[in-house]
Amino acid sequence: MSPPLRETGTLRIPEAEFQAMLARAAEEGARRALADVGLEGETAALDIRDLRSLLDCIRFVRRTAVQTTVHLITTGLILALLAGTVIKLRLFGGGP
């Protein structure tokens, strides 16, 4: 690491050293952020994959629940229409 140069109140660092400092700072910041949320160590990648899998399952369950609700409502409406038609036409049982 070369000593920084001072020019008129500003500090000058070579581009390569500045990029290296940024990379180290970003890496350390990412490690701290992951540690803050409990995703540190060797099992962090497995934990993140498990969380993504869990989110996929939740989305699938939500989509299936909506589809099931739509099917139940549709079936109920069709049965109500059939029952109304049967009653209106008096197909079953002798009416007056």
C-alpha atoms as a PDB file:
ATOM      1  CA  MET A   1       0.000   0.000   0.000  1.00  0.00           C
ATOM      2  CA  SER A   2       1.518   3.278  -1.033  1.00  0.00           C
ATOM      3  CA  PRO A   3       1.194   6.377   1.148  1.00  0.00           C
ATOM      4  CA  PRO A   4      -1.686   8.662   0.186  1.00  0.00           C
ATOM      5  CA  LEU A   5      -0.874  11.916  -1.548  1.00  0.00           C
ATOM      6  CA  ARG A   6      -2.247  15.178  -0.216  1.00  0.00           C
ATOM      7  CA  GLU A   7      -3.253  17.866  -2.670  1.00  0.00           C
ATOM      8  CA  THR A   8      -4.913  21.063  -1.543  1.00  0.00           C
ATOM      9  CA  GLY A   9      -6.764  19.562   1.396  1.00  0.00           C
ATOM     10  CA  THR A  10      -7.867  16.394  -0.393  1.00  0.00           C
ATOM     11  CA  LEU A  11      -6.544  12.888   0.015  1.00  0.00           C
ATOM     12  CA  ARG A  12      -5.533  11.046  -3.147  1.00  0.00           C
ATOM     13  CA  ILE A  13      -5.420   7.234  -3.200  1.00  0.00           C
ATOM     14  CA  PRO A  14      -4.494   5.198  -6.276  1.00  0.00           C
ATOM     15  CA  GLU A  15      -7.503   3.712  -8.060  1.00  0.00           C
ATOM     16  CA  ALA A  16      -6.474   0.093  -7.452  1.00  0.00           C
ATOM     17  CA  GLU A  17      -6.115   0.644  -3.707  1.00  0.00           C
ATOM     18  CA  PHE A  18      -9.425   2.489  -3.570  1.00  0.00           C
ATOM     19  CA  GLN A  19     -11.179  -0.397  -5.357  1.00  0.00           C
ATOM     20  CA  ALA A  20      -9.575  -2.902  -2.966  1.00  0.00           C
ATOM     21  CA  MET A  21     -10.745  -0.862   0.047  1.00  0.00           C
ATOM     22  CA  LEU A  22     -14.276  -0.694  -1.378  1.00  0.00           C
ATOM     23  CA  ALA A  23     -14.327  -4.446  -1.980  1.00  0.00           C
ATOM     24  CA  ARG A  24     -13.168  -5.186   1.588  1.00  0.00           C
ATOM     25  CA  ALA A  25     -15.706  -2.743   3.036  1.00  0.00           C
ATOM     26  CA  ALA A  26     -18.534  -4.241   0.980  1.00  0.00           C
ATOM     27  CA  GLU A  27     -17.585  -7.769   1.985  1.00  0.00           C
ATOM     28  CA  GLU A  28     -17.386  -6.842   5.665  1.00  0.00           C
ATOM     29  CA  GLY A  29     -20.720  -5.006   5.443  1.00  0.00           C
ATOM     30  CA  ALA A  30     -22.373  -8.016   3.834  1.00  0.00           C
ATOM     31  CA  ARG A  31     -21.009 -10.307   6.536  1.00  0.00           C
ATOM     32  CA  ARG A  32     -22.318  -8.006   9.275  1.00  0.00           C
ATOM     33  CA  ALA A  33     -25.729  -7.738   7.631  1.00  0.00           C
ATOM     34  CA  LEU A  34     -26.018 -11.518   7.323  1.00  0.00           C
ATOM     35  CA  ALA A  35     -24.854 -11.963  10.924  1.00  0.00           C
ATOM     36  CA  ASP A  36     -27.472  -9.446  12.092  1.00  0.00           C
ATOM     37  CA  VAL A  37     -30.272 -11.546  10.602  1.00  0.00           C
ATOM     38  CA  GLY A  38     -28.752 -14.825  11.777  1.00  0.00           C
ATOM     39  CA  LEU A  39     -27.459 -16.080   8.438  1.00  0.00           C
ATOM     40  CA  GLU A  40     -23.800 -16.541   9.219  1.00  0.00           C
ATOM     41  CA  GLY A  41     -21.388 -19.406   9.036  1.00  0.00           C
ATOM     42  CA  GLU A  42     -21.201 -22.497   6.877  1.00  0.00           C
ATOM     43  CA  THR A  43     -24.925 -23.220   6.888  1.00  0.00           C
ATOM     44  CA  ALA A  44     -25.961 -19.773   5.617  1.00  0.00           C
ATOM     45  CA  ALA A  45     -26.332 -20.931   2.001  1.00  0.00           C
ATOM     46  CA  LEU A  46     -28.442 -23.904   3.091  1.00  0.00           C
ATOM     47  CA  ASP A  47     -30.592 -21.633   5.267  1.00  0.00           C
ATOM     48  CA  ILE A  48     -31.217 -19.259   2.365  1.00  0.00           C
ATOM     49  CA  ARG A  49     -32.138 -22.164   0.067  1.00  0.00           C
ATOM     50  CA  ASP A  50     -34.537 -23.446   2.741  1.00  0.00           C
ATOM     51  CA  LEU A  51     -36.119 -20.007   3.090  1.00  0.00           C
ATOM     52  CA  ARG A  52     -36.586 -19.739  -0.683  1.00  0.00           C
ATOM     53  CA  SER A  53     -38.110 -23.206  -0.750  1.00  0.00           C
ATOM     54  CA  LEU A  54     -40.467 -22.249   2.073  1.00  0.00           C
ATOM     55  CA  LEU A  55     -41.539 -19.119   0.200  1.00  0.00           C
ATOM     56  CA  ASP A  56     -42.190 -21.178  -2.933  1.00  0.00           C
ATOM     57  CA  CYS A  57     -44.349 -23.562  -0.885  1.00  0.00           C
ATOM     58  CA  ILE A  58     -46.306 -20.682   0.634  1.00  0.00           C
ATOM     59  CA  ARG A  59     -46.958 -19.240  -2.833  1.00  0.00           C
ATOM     60  CA  PHE A  60     -48.082 -22.660  -4.083  1.00  0.00           C
ATOM     61  CA  VAL A  61     -50.454 -23.137  -1.118  1.00  0.00           C
ATOM     62  CA  ARG A  62     -51.901 -19.655  -1.586  1.00  0.00           C
ATOM     63  CA  ARG A  63     -52.472 -20.259  -5.318  1.00  0.00           C
ATOM     64  CA  THR A  64     -54.051 -23.664  -4.626  1.00  0.00           C
ATOM     65  CA  ALA A  65     -56.321 -22.216  -1.938  1.00  0.00           C
ATOM     66  CA  VAL A  66     -57.568 -19.523  -4.312  1.00  0.00           C
ATOM     67  CA  GLN A  67     -58.196 -22.083  -7.049  1.00  0.00           C
ATOM     68  CA  THR A  68     -60.050 -24.360  -4.634  1.00  0.00           C
ATOM     69  CA  THR A  69     -62.213 -21.476  -3.422  1.00  0.00           C
ATOM     70  CA  VAL A  70     -63.098 -20.530  -6.996  1.00  0.00           C
ATOM     71  CA  HIS A  71     -63.967 -24.151  -7.801  1.00  0.00           C
ATOM     72  CA  LEU A  72     -66.192 -24.447  -4.709  1.00  0.00           C
ATOM     73  CA  ILE A  73     -68.025 -21.210  -5.482  1.00  0.00           C
ATOM     74  CA  THR A  74     -68.514 -22.223  -9.113  1.00  0.00           C
ATOM     75  CA  THR A  75     -69.772 -25.688  -8.143  1.00  0.00           C
ATOM     76  CA  GLY A  76     -72.140 -24.152  -5.594  1.00  0.00           C
ATOM     77  CA  LEU A  77     -73.579 -21.757  -8.159  1.00  0.00           C
ATOM     78  CA  ILE A  78     -74.084 -24.522 -10.715  1.00  0.00           C
ATOM     79  CA  LEU A  79     -75.810 -26.721  -8.100  1.00  0.00           C
ATOM     80  CA  ALA A  80     -78.040 -23.814  -7.072  1.00  0.00           C
ATOM     81  CA  LEU A  81     -78.998 -23.210 -10.703  1.00  0.00           C
ATOM     82  CA  LEU A  82     -79.763 -26.911 -11.199  1.00  0.00           C
ATOM     83  CA  ALA A  83     -81.840 -27.032  -8.023  1.00  0.00           C
ATOM     84  CA  GLY A  84     -83.748 -23.934  -9.132  1.00  0.00           C
ATOM     85  CA  THR A  85     -84.367 -25.445 -12.536  1.00  0.00           C
ATOM     86  CA  VAL A  86     -85.588 -28.726 -11.030  1.00  0.00           C
ATOM     87  CA  ILE A  87     -87.936 -26.909  -8.667  1.00  0.00           C
ATOM     88  CA  LYS A  88     -89.196 -24.594 -11.413  1.00  0.00           C
ATOM     89  CA  LEU A  89     -89.907 -27.421 -13.849  1.00  0.00           C
ATOM     90  CA  ARG A  90     -91.227 -29.738 -11.118  1.00  0.00           C
ATOM     91  CA  LEU A  91     -89.322 -32.668 -12.525  1.00  0.00           C
ATOM     92  CA  PHE A  92     -89.405 -34.677  -9.302  1.00  0.00           C
ATOM     93  CA  GLY A  93     -92.508 -35.384  -7.330  1.00  0.00           C
ATOM     94  CA  GLY A  94     -96.066 -34.686  -8.215  1.00  0.00           C
ATOM     95  CA  GLY A  95     -97.081 -31.145  -7.769  1.00  0.00           C
ATOM     96  CA  PRO A  96    -100.603 -29.710  -7.580  1.00  0.00           C
END
